[in-house]
Amino acid sequence: ILNEKDESQLLQNKINLFKDQNEAFELASQLRKEQFTARFLLQNQRILDVEQQLSSLYTAYIILQNDQSTEDNLRESLLTQLNESDYQSARHLNDHPDTIEEAKSS
């Protein structure tokens, strides 16, 4: 059987233990919160980096697409000129068959 003083001391020890446990729980909660915040910030930075990379890739794609369109237009123009030249040469040779004979004899 405990006397009043011992019971009081035991109760005080339990109170102190509860306070220590509560403080440890609060510190652990604060640490988890700080870890979450750090991870969240890091993840946001990664997302921003990926967005920037995606934007750069899209810009590069647009530039390449414009370059390709320019090259396609040039190729089409050159092909049109080549076909026109071939047509003119064939027409000339058709209109002047003696030109072929002159070319063979020289």
N, C-alpha and C. Protein backbone atom coordinates (compact mmCIF):
# COMPACT_ATOMS: atom_id res chain seq x y z
N ILE A 1 0.86 -1.17 0.00
CA ILE A 1 0.00 0.00 0.00
C ILE A 1 0.90 1.23 0.00
N LEU A 2 0.53 2.17 -0.93
CA LEU A 2 1.32 3.40 -1.08
C LEU A 2 0.72 4.50 -0.22
N ASN A 3 1.59 5.30 0.32
CA ASN A 3 1.09 6.45 1.07
C ASN A 3 0.76 7.58 0.10
N GLU A 4 0.19 8.61 0.62
CA GLU A 4 -0.25 9.74 -0.21
C GLU A 4 0.89 10.38 -0.97
N LYS A 5 2.01 10.50 -0.35
CA LYS A 5 3.17 11.12 -0.98
C LYS A 5 3.64 10.27 -2.16
N ASP A 6 3.68 8.96 -1.96
CA ASP A 6 4.11 8.07 -3.03
C ASP A 6 3.10 8.07 -4.19
N GLU A 7 1.81 8.10 -3.85
CA GLU A 7 0.78 8.17 -4.88
C GLU A 7 0.88 9.46 -5.67
N SER A 8 1.13 10.54 -4.95
CA SER A 8 1.28 11.84 -5.60
C SER A 8 2.50 11.82 -6.52
N GLN A 9 3.59 11.23 -6.04
CA GLN A 9 4.80 11.14 -6.85
C GLN A 9 4.56 10.27 -8.08
N LEU A 10 3.84 9.16 -7.90
CA LEU A 10 3.53 8.28 -9.02
C LEU A 10 2.66 8.99 -10.05
N LEU A 11 1.68 9.73 -9.57
CA LEU A 11 0.82 10.50 -10.47
C LEU A 11 1.62 11.56 -11.21
N GLN A 12 2.52 12.24 -10.51
CA GLN A 12 3.36 13.26 -11.14
C GLN A 12 4.26 12.63 -12.20
N ASN A 13 4.79 11.44 -11.91
CA ASN A 13 5.63 10.73 -12.89
C ASN A 13 4.82 10.38 -14.14
N LYS A 14 3.58 9.92 -13.92
CA LYS A 14 2.71 9.59 -15.05
C LYS A 14 2.41 10.83 -15.88
N ILE A 15 2.17 11.96 -15.21
CA ILE A 15 1.91 13.23 -15.90
C ILE A 15 3.13 13.64 -16.71
N ASN A 16 4.30 13.56 -16.10
CA ASN A 16 5.54 13.92 -16.79
C ASN A 16 5.79 13.01 -17.99
N LEU A 17 5.52 11.70 -17.81
CA LEU A 17 5.68 10.75 -18.90
C LEU A 17 4.71 11.09 -20.04
N PHE A 18 3.47 11.40 -19.69
CA PHE A 18 2.49 11.79 -20.71
C PHE A 18 2.93 13.05 -21.44
N LYS A 19 3.44 14.04 -20.69
CA LYS A 19 3.93 15.27 -21.32
C LYS A 19 5.07 14.97 -22.28
N ASP A 20 6.00 14.10 -21.86
CA ASP A 20 7.14 13.73 -22.71
C ASP A 20 6.67 13.01 -23.98
N GLN A 21 5.70 12.09 -23.78
CA GLN A 21 5.17 11.38 -24.94
C GLN A 21 4.46 12.34 -25.89
N ASN A 22 3.71 13.26 -25.32
CA ASN A 22 2.99 14.25 -26.13
C ASN A 22 3.98 15.13 -26.90
N GLU A 23 5.04 15.55 -26.22
CA GLU A 23 6.06 16.38 -26.88
C GLU A 23 6.76 15.60 -27.99
N ALA A 24 7.06 14.32 -27.74
CA ALA A 24 7.69 13.49 -28.76
C ALA A 24 6.76 13.32 -29.96
N PHE A 25 5.47 13.13 -29.67
CA PHE A 25 4.49 13.00 -30.76
C PHE A 25 4.42 14.29 -31.57
N GLU A 26 4.41 15.43 -30.91
CA GLU A 26 4.37 16.72 -31.61
C GLU A 26 5.61 16.92 -32.46
N LEU A 27 6.78 16.57 -31.91
CA LEU A 27 8.03 16.70 -32.68
C LEU A 27 8.02 15.77 -33.90
N ALA A 28 7.52 14.54 -33.72
CA ALA A 28 7.45 13.61 -34.84
C ALA A 28 6.47 14.13 -35.90
N SER A 29 5.37 14.68 -35.45
CA SER A 29 4.39 15.24 -36.39
C SER A 29 4.97 16.42 -37.15
N GLN A 30 5.69 17.27 -36.44
CA GLN A 30 6.33 18.43 -37.07
C GLN A 30 7.36 17.97 -38.10
N LEU A 31 8.13 16.94 -37.74
CA LEU A 31 9.13 16.40 -38.67
C LEU A 31 8.46 15.83 -39.92
N ARG A 32 7.38 15.07 -39.74
CA ARG A 32 6.66 14.53 -40.90
C ARG A 32 6.10 15.66 -41.77
N LYS A 33 5.60 16.71 -41.11
CA LYS A 33 5.07 17.84 -41.87
C LYS A 33 6.18 18.51 -42.68
N GLU A 34 7.34 18.72 -42.06
CA GLU A 34 8.46 19.34 -42.76
C GLU A 34 8.97 18.45 -43.91
N GLN A 35 8.99 17.12 -43.68
CA GLN A 35 9.39 16.21 -44.75
C GLN A 35 8.41 16.28 -45.91
N PHE A 36 7.12 16.30 -45.60
CA PHE A 36 6.10 16.39 -46.64
C PHE A 36 6.26 17.69 -47.42
N THR A 37 6.48 18.78 -46.69
CA THR A 37 6.63 20.08 -47.35
C THR A 37 7.85 20.07 -48.27
N ALA A 38 8.95 19.50 -47.79
CA ALA A 38 10.17 19.44 -48.61
C ALA A 38 9.93 18.58 -49.85
N ARG A 39 9.28 17.43 -49.68
CA ARG A 39 8.98 16.57 -50.83
C ARG A 39 8.05 17.27 -51.81
N PHE A 40 7.07 17.97 -51.27
CA PHE A 40 6.11 18.69 -52.11
C PHE A 40 6.82 19.77 -52.93
N LEU A 41 7.71 20.52 -52.28
CA LEU A 41 8.45 21.56 -52.99
C LEU A 41 9.35 20.96 -54.07
N LEU A 42 10.00 19.85 -53.73
CA LEU A 42 10.87 19.18 -54.70
C LEU A 42 10.05 18.67 -55.88
N GLN A 43 8.90 18.07 -55.59
CA GLN A 43 8.04 17.58 -56.66
C GLN A 43 7.55 18.72 -57.54
N ASN A 44 7.18 19.84 -56.93
CA ASN A 44 6.76 21.01 -57.71
C ASN A 44 7.88 21.51 -58.61
N GLN A 45 9.11 21.51 -58.08
CA GLN A 45 10.25 21.94 -58.89
C GLN A 45 10.45 21.00 -60.07
N ARG A 46 10.29 19.71 -59.82
CA ARG A 46 10.43 18.73 -60.91
C ARG A 46 9.35 18.96 -61.97
N ILE A 47 8.14 19.23 -61.52
CA ILE A 47 7.04 19.48 -62.45
C ILE A 47 7.35 20.72 -63.29
N LEU A 48 7.84 21.78 -62.64
CA LEU A 48 8.20 23.00 -63.38
C LEU A 48 9.30 22.73 -64.39
N ASP A 49 10.30 21.92 -63.99
CA ASP A 49 11.38 21.57 -64.92
C ASP A 49 10.84 20.81 -66.13
N VAL A 50 9.95 19.86 -65.88
CA VAL A 50 9.38 19.08 -66.99
C VAL A 50 8.54 19.99 -67.88
N GLU A 51 7.77 20.89 -67.28
CA GLU A 51 6.98 21.84 -68.08
C GLU A 51 7.89 22.70 -68.96
N GLN A 52 9.01 23.15 -68.39
CA GLN A 52 9.95 23.97 -69.16
C GLN A 52 10.56 23.15 -70.30
N GLN A 53 10.93 21.90 -70.02
CA GLN A 53 11.48 21.03 -71.07
C GLN A 53 10.45 20.79 -72.16
N LEU A 54 9.22 20.56 -71.76
CA LEU A 54 8.15 20.33 -72.73
C LEU A 54 7.93 21.57 -73.59
N SER A 55 7.97 22.73 -72.96
CA SER A 55 7.81 23.98 -73.71
C SER A 55 8.96 24.15 -74.71
N SER A 56 10.17 23.86 -74.28
CA SER A 56 11.33 23.97 -75.18
C SER A 56 11.21 22.98 -76.34
N LEU A 57 10.78 21.76 -76.04
CA LEU A 57 10.61 20.77 -77.10
C LEU A 57 9.53 21.20 -78.08
N TYR A 58 8.45 21.76 -77.56
CA TYR A 58 7.37 22.22 -78.44
C TYR A 58 7.87 23.35 -79.34
N THR A 59 8.64 24.28 -78.77
CA THR A 59 9.20 25.38 -79.55
C THR A 59 10.12 24.83 -80.64
N ALA A 60 10.96 23.87 -80.28
CA ALA A 60 11.86 23.25 -81.26
C ALA A 60 11.06 22.55 -82.35
N TYR A 61 9.98 21.89 -81.96
CA TYR A 61 9.12 21.20 -82.94
C TYR A 61 8.51 22.20 -83.92
N ILE A 62 8.03 23.33 -83.41
CA ILE A 62 7.44 24.35 -84.27
C ILE A 62 8.49 24.89 -85.24
N ILE A 63 9.69 25.14 -84.74
CA ILE A 63 10.78 25.63 -85.60
C ILE A 63 11.09 24.61 -86.69
N LEU A 64 11.20 23.33 -86.30
CA LEU A 64 11.49 22.29 -87.30
C LEU A 64 10.34 22.15 -88.30
N GLN A 65 9.13 22.28 -87.82
CA GLN A 65 7.97 22.19 -88.71
C GLN A 65 7.98 23.33 -89.73
N ASN A 66 8.31 24.54 -89.26
CA ASN A 66 8.41 25.68 -90.18
C ASN A 66 9.53 25.48 -91.19
N ASP A 67 10.68 24.98 -90.70
CA ASP A 67 11.80 24.70 -91.62
C ASP A 67 11.40 23.67 -92.65
N GLN A 68 10.70 22.64 -92.21
CA GLN A 68 10.27 21.58 -93.13
C GLN A 68 9.29 22.13 -94.17
N SER A 69 8.40 22.99 -93.73
CA SER A 69 7.45 23.60 -94.68
C SER A 69 8.19 24.43 -95.72
N THR A 70 9.19 25.18 -95.28
CA THR A 70 9.99 25.98 -96.20
C THR A 70 10.71 25.08 -97.20
N GLU A 71 11.30 23.99 -96.71
CA GLU A 71 11.99 23.06 -97.59
C GLU A 71 11.01 22.40 -98.56
N ASP A 72 9.84 22.04 -98.07
CA ASP A 72 8.82 21.43 -98.94
C ASP A 72 8.41 22.40 -100.05
N ASN A 73 8.21 23.66 -99.69
CA ASN A 73 7.85 24.66 -100.70
C ASN A 73 8.95 24.84 -101.73
N LEU A 74 10.20 24.89 -101.26
CA LEU A 74 11.33 25.02 -102.17
C LEU A 74 11.43 23.80 -103.10
N ARG A 75 11.28 22.62 -102.51
CA ARG A 75 11.33 21.39 -103.31
C ARG A 75 10.23 21.38 -104.37
N GLU A 76 9.04 21.79 -103.97
CA GLU A 76 7.92 21.84 -104.91
C GLU A 76 8.18 22.85 -106.03
N SER A 77 8.74 23.99 -105.66
CA SER A 77 9.06 25.01 -106.66
C SER A 77 10.12 24.50 -107.64
N LEU A 78 11.17 23.88 -107.11
CA LEU A 78 12.22 23.34 -107.98
C LEU A 78 11.69 22.25 -108.89
N LEU A 79 10.83 21.40 -108.35
CA LEU A 79 10.24 20.34 -109.17
C LEU A 79 9.36 20.92 -110.27
N THR A 80 8.61 21.95 -109.94
CA THR A 80 7.77 22.61 -110.94
C THR A 80 8.66 23.21 -112.04
N GLN A 81 9.74 23.89 -111.64
CA GLN A 81 10.65 24.47 -112.63
C GLN A 81 11.31 23.39 -113.49
N LEU A 82 11.69 22.29 -112.87
CA LEU A 82 12.31 21.19 -113.61
C LEU A 82 11.32 20.60 -114.62
N ASN A 83 10.09 20.41 -114.18
CA ASN A 83 9.07 19.88 -115.10
C ASN A 83 8.81 20.85 -116.25
N GLU A 84 8.77 22.13 -115.94
CA GLU A 84 8.55 23.15 -116.98
C GLU A 84 9.72 23.13 -117.97
N SER A 85 10.93 23.01 -117.45
CA SER A 85 12.12 22.94 -118.31
C SER A 85 12.07 21.71 -119.21
N ASP A 86 11.71 20.57 -118.62
CA ASP A 86 11.60 19.34 -119.41
C ASP A 86 10.54 19.51 -120.50
N TYR A 87 9.43 20.13 -120.13
CA TYR A 87 8.35 20.35 -121.11
C TYR A 87 8.83 21.24 -122.25
N GLN A 88 9.54 22.32 -121.89
CA GLN A 88 10.03 23.24 -122.91
C GLN A 88 11.05 22.54 -123.82
N SER A 89 11.92 21.75 -123.22
CA SER A 89 12.92 21.02 -124.05
C SER A 89 12.24 20.03 -124.97
N ALA A 90 11.30 19.29 -124.46
CA ALA A 90 10.58 18.31 -125.29
C ALA A 90 9.81 19.01 -126.39
N ARG A 91 9.20 20.12 -126.10
CA ARG A 91 8.44 20.88 -127.10
C ARG A 91 9.38 21.39 -128.20
N HIS A 92 10.54 21.91 -127.76
CA HIS A 92 11.51 22.42 -128.74
C HIS A 92 11.98 21.29 -129.67
N LEU A 93 12.29 20.15 -129.04
CA LEU A 93 12.75 19.02 -129.87
C LEU A 93 11.64 18.52 -130.78
N ASN A 94 10.42 18.57 -130.34
CA ASN A 94 9.29 18.14 -131.16
C ASN A 94 9.08 19.12 -132.32
N ASP A 95 9.22 20.42 -132.03
CA ASP A 95 9.04 21.44 -133.06
C ASP A 95 10.22 21.48 -134.04
N HIS A 96 11.40 21.09 -133.60
CA HIS A 96 12.61 21.15 -134.43
C HIS A 96 13.31 19.79 -134.41
N PRO A 97 12.81 18.83 -135.11
CA PRO A 97 13.42 17.49 -135.10
C PRO A 97 14.82 17.48 -135.67
N ASP A 98 15.16 18.46 -136.51
CA ASP A 98 16.51 18.52 -137.09
C ASP A 98 17.56 18.81 -136.03
N THR A 99 17.16 19.36 -134.87
CA THR A 99 18.10 19.65 -133.79
C THR A 99 18.71 18.36 -133.26
N ILE A 100 17.92 17.30 -133.24
CA ILE A 100 18.43 16.00 -132.76
C ILE A 100 19.48 15.48 -133.71
N GLU A 101 19.25 15.59 -135.02
CA GLU A 101 20.21 15.14 -136.00
C GLU A 101 21.49 15.94 -135.94
N GLU A 102 21.38 17.25 -135.73
CA GLU A 102 22.57 18.10 -135.62
C GLU A 102 23.39 17.73 -134.42
N ALA A 103 22.69 17.41 -133.29
CA ALA A 103 23.40 17.02 -132.07
C ALA A 103 24.09 15.71 -132.25
N LYS A 104 23.52 14.78 -133.00
CA LYS A 104 24.14 13.47 -133.22
C LYS A 104 25.38 13.60 -134.12
N SER A 105 25.31 14.49 -135.08
CA SER A 105 26.42 14.61 -136.01
C SER A 105 27.60 15.38 -135.43
N SER A 106 27.42 16.12 -134.35
CA SER A 106 28.55 16.90 -133.82
C SER A 106 29.34 16.18 -132.79
